[in-house]
Each structure stands twice: as structure tokens, then as C-alpha cells.
Amino acid sequence: MHLLLVGRGSSDEEAVEDTKRIARLLEQRVNVHVHVCFLAAVHPHFEKKLQAIISGGAHHIVILPYLLFTGLLMKDIKDTVHEFQSKKQKVTVCDYLGGHRNVPHALRDRVLELI
């Protein structure tokens, strides 16, 4: 199985590094290689990374959108997956973070930490 962590992307290098750090921590916890890509502003770009994983012969790919809010981003992810998916692969697109019950608690904790 291949896990693809999809970040929004940013011109802020610190934000990009945070996403990569999260991927490394996740990799240690789930004991599977975690690929990282982005939807905008930095490379590797989602579409190209997904294509590379598929071209490498992956049979099961789990896509984990690291997004608090989606706008059109989830639609773009699903449309791209639909373009590349064939009968040879199983591609699972997880829900984005914004809908998880722990997100408001994490945000509150972060605000309190800054205060």
C-alpha cells in the first residue's frame, strides 16, 4: 500500500516543511511509506506524484488530503483520481481534516498556546 499525503501547498517554506514533518511522523506510526505532494505553489504536484506512484506499479493507493477546508480542492483530487484510476489499482480517497471532531479541539489548544 502507498499512502499519499496531499497538502495545499504554499510559498511559505515553513508550511511546506511542516507538511513533510507530519508525513514523517505518520510514516513512523503506520509503518508504511508516506509520499508527500501538494495541490499548488510547490512540487511535487499531486497529479504528477499520483501518476508516478501508479506508473511504479502500485496496486493500492490511499490518498490523505491534509486540508482543513476544501473549496474546490476535494473535487480536484477526486477528478484527478478518476482520470488515472484503472482496474489495476484500488485508490481510496480519505476525507479532509476539517470534518473531524478533533480539529476544533486542536485549533483551540493552538490558540490557547499562543495566548
N, C-alpha and C. Protein backbone atom coordinates (compact mmCIF):
# COMPACT_ATOMS: atom_id res chain seq x y z
N MET A 1 0.84 -1.18 0.00
CA MET A 1 0.00 0.00 0.00
C MET A 1 0.88 1.24 0.00
N HIS A 2 0.42 2.25 -0.69
CA HIS A 2 1.09 3.54 -0.73
C HIS A 2 0.15 4.58 -0.14
N LEU A 3 0.67 5.41 0.75
CA LEU A 3 -0.10 6.49 1.36
C LEU A 3 0.41 7.81 0.79
N LEU A 4 -0.50 8.60 0.23
CA LEU A 4 -0.14 9.87 -0.39
C LEU A 4 -0.77 11.00 0.40
N LEU A 5 0.05 11.74 1.14
CA LEU A 5 -0.40 12.88 1.92
C LEU A 5 -0.42 14.10 1.01
N VAL A 6 -1.59 14.71 0.84
CA VAL A 6 -1.76 15.82 -0.09
C VAL A 6 -1.96 17.11 0.68
N GLY A 7 -0.98 17.99 0.60
CA GLY A 7 -1.08 19.30 1.23
C GLY A 7 -1.56 20.34 0.25
N ARG A 8 -2.01 21.46 0.76
CA ARG A 8 -2.49 22.56 -0.09
C ARG A 8 -1.34 23.14 -0.90
N GLY A 9 -0.20 23.31 -0.24
CA GLY A 9 0.93 23.95 -0.88
C GLY A 9 0.96 25.42 -0.50
N SER A 10 2.16 25.98 -0.43
CA SER A 10 2.31 27.36 -0.01
C SER A 10 3.66 27.88 -0.46
N SER A 11 3.74 29.18 -0.62
CA SER A 11 5.05 29.78 -0.90
C SER A 11 5.85 29.92 0.40
N ASP A 12 5.20 29.67 1.53
CA ASP A 12 5.86 29.71 2.83
C ASP A 12 6.57 28.38 3.06
N GLU A 13 7.89 28.40 3.00
CA GLU A 13 8.68 27.18 3.12
C GLU A 13 8.44 26.46 4.45
N GLU A 14 8.17 27.22 5.49
CA GLU A 14 7.92 26.61 6.80
C GLU A 14 6.64 25.76 6.77
N ALA A 15 5.63 26.22 6.08
CA ALA A 15 4.39 25.46 5.96
C ALA A 15 4.62 24.17 5.18
N VAL A 16 5.43 24.25 4.14
CA VAL A 16 5.76 23.07 3.35
C VAL A 16 6.54 22.06 4.20
N GLU A 17 7.51 22.56 4.95
CA GLU A 17 8.30 21.68 5.82
C GLU A 17 7.44 21.04 6.91
N ASP A 18 6.46 21.78 7.42
CA ASP A 18 5.54 21.21 8.41
C ASP A 18 4.78 20.02 7.83
N THR A 19 4.34 20.15 6.60
CA THR A 19 3.63 19.04 5.95
C THR A 19 4.54 17.83 5.80
N LYS A 20 5.78 18.06 5.42
CA LYS A 20 6.73 16.96 5.28
C LYS A 20 7.04 16.32 6.63
N ARG A 21 7.10 17.12 7.66
CA ARG A 21 7.34 16.62 9.02
C ARG A 21 6.18 15.73 9.47
N ILE A 22 4.99 16.17 9.18
CA ILE A 22 3.80 15.38 9.52
C ILE A 22 3.82 14.05 8.79
N ALA A 23 4.25 14.06 7.55
CA ALA A 23 4.36 12.81 6.78
C ALA A 23 5.34 11.86 7.43
N ARG A 24 6.48 12.38 7.89
CA ARG A 24 7.48 11.52 8.55
C ARG A 24 6.93 10.92 9.85
N LEU A 25 6.22 11.74 10.62
CA LEU A 25 5.62 11.25 11.87
C LEU A 25 4.56 10.19 11.57
N LEU A 26 3.77 10.42 10.57
CA LEU A 26 2.74 9.46 10.18
C LEU A 26 3.38 8.15 9.71
N GLU A 27 4.44 8.28 8.95
CA GLU A 27 5.16 7.11 8.45
C GLU A 27 5.66 6.22 9.59
N GLN A 28 6.16 6.85 10.65
CA GLN A 28 6.64 6.10 11.81
C GLN A 28 5.50 5.38 12.52
N ARG A 29 4.35 6.01 12.56
CA ARG A 29 3.21 5.43 13.29
C ARG A 29 2.53 4.30 12.53
N VAL A 30 2.38 4.44 11.23
CA VAL A 30 1.64 3.44 10.46
C VAL A 30 2.54 2.42 9.78
N ASN A 31 3.85 2.64 9.87
CA ASN A 31 4.83 1.72 9.31
C ASN A 31 4.59 1.42 7.82
N VAL A 32 4.31 2.48 7.07
CA VAL A 32 4.17 2.39 5.63
C VAL A 32 4.79 3.65 5.04
N HIS A 33 5.34 3.54 3.83
CA HIS A 33 5.95 4.71 3.23
C HIS A 33 4.88 5.75 2.91
N VAL A 34 5.12 7.00 3.32
CA VAL A 34 4.18 8.09 3.07
C VAL A 34 4.81 9.03 2.04
N HIS A 35 4.15 9.15 0.91
CA HIS A 35 4.55 10.09 -0.13
C HIS A 35 3.91 11.44 0.19
N VAL A 36 4.56 12.52 -0.20
CA VAL A 36 4.03 13.86 0.03
C VAL A 36 3.92 14.58 -1.31
N CYS A 37 2.82 15.31 -1.48
CA CYS A 37 2.66 16.15 -2.67
C CYS A 37 1.76 17.32 -2.31
N PHE A 38 1.62 18.23 -3.26
CA PHE A 38 0.89 19.47 -3.00
C PHE A 38 -0.02 19.80 -4.17
N LEU A 39 -1.05 20.56 -3.87
CA LEU A 39 -2.01 20.96 -4.91
C LEU A 39 -1.62 22.25 -5.61
N ALA A 40 -0.79 23.07 -4.98
CA ALA A 40 -0.41 24.35 -5.59
C ALA A 40 0.91 24.85 -5.02
N ALA A 41 1.57 25.71 -5.73
CA ALA A 41 2.70 26.52 -5.29
C ALA A 41 4.04 25.79 -5.15
N VAL A 42 4.05 24.51 -4.85
CA VAL A 42 5.31 23.77 -4.67
C VAL A 42 5.21 22.39 -5.31
N HIS A 43 6.37 21.79 -5.46
CA HIS A 43 6.45 20.45 -6.04
C HIS A 43 6.85 19.46 -4.95
N PRO A 44 6.52 18.21 -5.11
CA PRO A 44 5.84 17.62 -6.26
C PRO A 44 4.35 17.92 -6.26
N HIS A 45 3.83 18.10 -7.45
CA HIS A 45 2.41 18.39 -7.63
C HIS A 45 1.62 17.08 -7.54
N PHE A 46 0.42 17.17 -7.00
CA PHE A 46 -0.43 16.00 -6.78
C PHE A 46 -0.57 15.11 -8.01
N GLU A 47 -0.95 15.69 -9.12
CA GLU A 47 -1.20 14.91 -10.33
C GLU A 47 0.05 14.13 -10.76
N LYS A 48 1.20 14.79 -10.75
CA LYS A 48 2.44 14.14 -11.18
C LYS A 48 2.87 13.06 -10.19
N LYS A 49 2.70 13.31 -8.90
CA LYS A 49 3.08 12.32 -7.90
C LYS A 49 2.17 11.09 -7.98
N LEU A 50 0.88 11.31 -8.14
CA LEU A 50 -0.05 10.19 -8.29
C LEU A 50 0.31 9.37 -9.52
N GLN A 51 0.59 10.04 -10.62
CA GLN A 51 0.97 9.34 -11.86
C GLN A 51 2.24 8.51 -11.65
N ALA A 52 3.21 9.07 -10.94
CA ALA A 52 4.46 8.35 -10.68
C ALA A 52 4.22 7.11 -9.84
N ILE A 53 3.37 7.22 -8.83
CA ILE A 53 3.07 6.06 -7.98
C ILE A 53 2.36 4.98 -8.78
N ILE A 54 1.41 5.39 -9.60
CA ILE A 54 0.69 4.43 -10.44
C ILE A 54 1.64 3.79 -11.44
N SER A 55 2.49 4.59 -12.07
CA SER A 55 3.46 4.07 -13.05
C SER A 55 4.43 3.10 -12.40
N GLY A 56 4.68 3.30 -11.10
CA GLY A 56 5.57 2.41 -10.37
C GLY A 56 4.94 1.07 -10.04
N GLY A 57 3.68 0.88 -10.41
CA GLY A 57 3.04 -0.41 -10.23
C GLY A 57 2.25 -0.57 -8.95
N ALA A 58 1.94 0.51 -8.28
CA ALA A 58 1.18 0.41 -7.03
C ALA A 58 -0.20 -0.18 -7.30
N HIS A 59 -0.62 -1.06 -6.41
CA HIS A 59 -1.94 -1.68 -6.55
C HIS A 59 -2.98 -1.07 -5.63
N HIS A 60 -2.53 -0.49 -4.52
CA HIS A 60 -3.46 0.16 -3.60
C HIS A 60 -2.84 1.47 -3.13
N ILE A 61 -3.55 2.54 -3.38
CA ILE A 61 -3.09 3.88 -3.01
C ILE A 61 -4.15 4.52 -2.12
N VAL A 62 -3.72 5.02 -0.98
CA VAL A 62 -4.62 5.75 -0.09
C VAL A 62 -4.22 7.21 -0.14
N ILE A 63 -5.17 8.06 -0.48
CA ILE A 63 -4.92 9.49 -0.59
C ILE A 63 -5.49 10.17 0.65
N LEU A 64 -4.62 10.86 1.37
CA LEU A 64 -5.00 11.53 2.61
C LEU A 64 -4.87 13.04 2.42
N PRO A 65 -5.98 13.74 2.15
CA PRO A 65 -5.93 15.19 1.98
C PRO A 65 -5.68 15.88 3.32
N TYR A 66 -4.58 16.58 3.42
CA TYR A 66 -4.24 17.32 4.64
C TYR A 66 -4.78 18.73 4.47
N LEU A 67 -6.10 18.86 4.57
CA LEU A 67 -6.79 20.11 4.30
C LEU A 67 -7.82 20.37 5.40
N LEU A 68 -7.86 21.60 5.89
CA LEU A 68 -8.91 21.96 6.85
C LEU A 68 -10.20 22.32 6.13
N PHE A 69 -10.08 23.00 5.01
CA PHE A 69 -11.23 23.42 4.22
C PHE A 69 -10.99 22.98 2.80
N THR A 70 -12.04 22.71 2.06
CA THR A 70 -11.82 22.15 0.74
C THR A 70 -12.03 23.11 -0.41
N GLY A 71 -13.07 23.92 -0.35
CA GLY A 71 -13.38 24.69 -1.54
C GLY A 71 -13.54 23.71 -2.69
N LEU A 72 -12.82 23.92 -3.76
CA LEU A 72 -12.87 23.01 -4.90
C LEU A 72 -11.76 21.97 -4.84
N LEU A 73 -10.95 22.00 -3.81
CA LEU A 73 -9.78 21.13 -3.76
C LEU A 73 -10.14 19.64 -3.73
N MET A 74 -11.12 19.26 -2.95
CA MET A 74 -11.51 17.85 -2.90
C MET A 74 -12.07 17.39 -4.25
N LYS A 75 -12.81 18.26 -4.91
CA LYS A 75 -13.31 17.93 -6.24
C LYS A 75 -12.15 17.71 -7.20
N ASP A 76 -11.14 18.57 -7.14
CA ASP A 76 -9.96 18.42 -7.99
C ASP A 76 -9.26 17.09 -7.72
N ILE A 77 -9.12 16.74 -6.45
CA ILE A 77 -8.47 15.48 -6.08
C ILE A 77 -9.26 14.31 -6.66
N LYS A 78 -10.57 14.29 -6.45
CA LYS A 78 -11.40 13.19 -6.93
C LYS A 78 -11.42 13.11 -8.45
N ASP A 79 -11.47 14.26 -9.11
CA ASP A 79 -11.43 14.27 -10.58
C ASP A 79 -10.11 13.71 -11.10
N THR A 80 -9.01 14.08 -10.47
CA THR A 80 -7.70 13.58 -10.89
C THR A 80 -7.60 12.08 -10.67
N VAL A 81 -8.06 11.62 -9.52
CA VAL A 81 -8.06 10.18 -9.24
C VAL A 81 -8.86 9.44 -10.29
N HIS A 82 -10.02 9.97 -10.62
CA HIS A 82 -10.87 9.33 -11.63
C HIS A 82 -10.17 9.22 -12.98
N GLU A 83 -9.41 10.25 -13.35
CA GLU A 83 -8.67 10.24 -14.62
C GLU A 83 -7.63 9.13 -14.67
N PHE A 84 -6.93 8.92 -13.56
CA PHE A 84 -5.80 8.00 -13.55
C PHE A 84 -6.14 6.57 -13.14
N GLN A 85 -7.23 6.40 -12.46
CA GLN A 85 -7.55 5.09 -11.91
C GLN A 85 -7.90 4.11 -13.02
N SER A 86 -7.39 2.91 -12.85
CA SER A 86 -7.75 1.84 -13.77
C SER A 86 -8.17 0.64 -12.94
N LYS A 87 -8.50 -0.43 -13.60
CA LYS A 87 -8.92 -1.64 -12.89
C LYS A 87 -7.76 -2.30 -12.16
N LYS A 88 -6.54 -1.88 -12.45
CA LYS A 88 -5.35 -2.47 -11.82
C LYS A 88 -5.09 -1.92 -10.43
N GLN A 89 -5.64 -0.74 -10.13
CA GLN A 89 -5.37 -0.09 -8.85
C GLN A 89 -6.65 0.10 -8.05
N LYS A 90 -6.46 0.06 -6.76
CA LYS A 90 -7.53 0.49 -5.85
C LYS A 90 -7.05 1.80 -5.26
N VAL A 91 -7.81 2.87 -5.46
CA VAL A 91 -7.45 4.18 -4.92
C VAL A 91 -8.55 4.60 -3.96
N THR A 92 -8.16 4.85 -2.72
CA THR A 92 -9.09 5.27 -1.69
C THR A 92 -8.78 6.73 -1.35
N VAL A 93 -9.79 7.58 -1.45
CA VAL A 93 -9.62 8.99 -1.08
C VAL A 93 -10.27 9.20 0.28
N CYS A 94 -9.46 9.55 1.27
CA CYS A 94 -9.97 9.80 2.62
C CYS A 94 -10.62 11.18 2.68
N ASP A 95 -11.38 11.38 3.73
CA ASP A 95 -11.99 12.68 3.96
C ASP A 95 -10.93 13.70 4.37
N TYR A 96 -11.20 14.97 4.15
CA TYR A 96 -10.29 16.02 4.57
C TYR A 96 -10.42 16.23 6.08
N LEU A 97 -9.47 16.91 6.69
CA LEU A 97 -9.42 17.06 8.14
C LEU A 97 -10.54 17.89 8.74
N GLY A 98 -11.02 18.88 8.03
CA GLY A 98 -12.00 19.82 8.56
C GLY A 98 -13.21 19.18 9.19
N GLY A 99 -13.60 18.02 8.72
CA GLY A 99 -14.78 17.37 9.24
C GLY A 99 -14.54 16.52 10.47
N HIS A 100 -13.31 16.37 10.89
CA HIS A 100 -13.00 15.51 12.03
C HIS A 100 -13.32 16.22 13.34
N ARG A 101 -13.86 15.48 14.27
CA ARG A 101 -14.29 16.07 15.55
C ARG A 101 -13.13 16.61 16.38
N ASN A 102 -11.89 16.19 16.15
CA ASN A 102 -10.75 16.66 16.92
C ASN A 102 -10.15 17.97 16.41
N VAL A 103 -10.51 18.39 15.20
CA VAL A 103 -9.94 19.61 14.63
C VAL A 103 -10.27 20.85 15.47
N PRO A 104 -11.52 21.06 15.88
CA PRO A 104 -11.78 22.25 16.71
C PRO A 104 -10.99 22.25 18.02
N HIS A 105 -10.80 21.07 18.61
CA HIS A 105 -10.03 20.97 19.85
C HIS A 105 -8.56 21.33 19.61
N ALA A 106 -8.02 20.83 18.50
CA ALA A 106 -6.62 21.13 18.17
C ALA A 106 -6.44 22.63 17.91
N LEU A 107 -7.38 23.23 17.22
CA LEU A 107 -7.30 24.67 16.95
C LEU A 107 -7.41 25.48 18.25
N ARG A 108 -8.33 25.08 19.12
CA ARG A 108 -8.48 25.77 20.41
C ARG A 108 -7.19 25.67 21.21
N ASP A 109 -6.60 24.47 21.26
CA ASP A 109 -5.35 24.27 22.00
C ASP A 109 -4.24 25.15 21.44
N ARG A 110 -4.19 25.26 20.13
CA ARG A 110 -3.15 26.06 19.48
C ARG A 110 -3.32 27.55 19.82
N VAL A 111 -4.56 28.03 19.80
CA VAL A 111 -4.84 29.42 20.13
C VAL A 111 -4.46 29.69 21.59
N LEU A 112 -4.86 28.80 22.48
CA LEU A 112 -4.52 28.97 23.90
C LEU A 112 -3.01 28.95 24.11
N GLU A 113 -2.32 28.12 23.37
CA GLU A 113 -0.86 28.05 23.45
C GLU A 113 -0.24 29.37 23.03
N LEU A 114 -0.78 30.00 22.01
CA LEU A 114 -0.25 31.28 21.54
C LEU A 114 -0.57 32.43 22.47
N ILE A 115 -1.71 32.35 23.13
CA ILE A 115 -2.11 33.39 24.08
C ILE A 115 -1.19 33.34 25.29
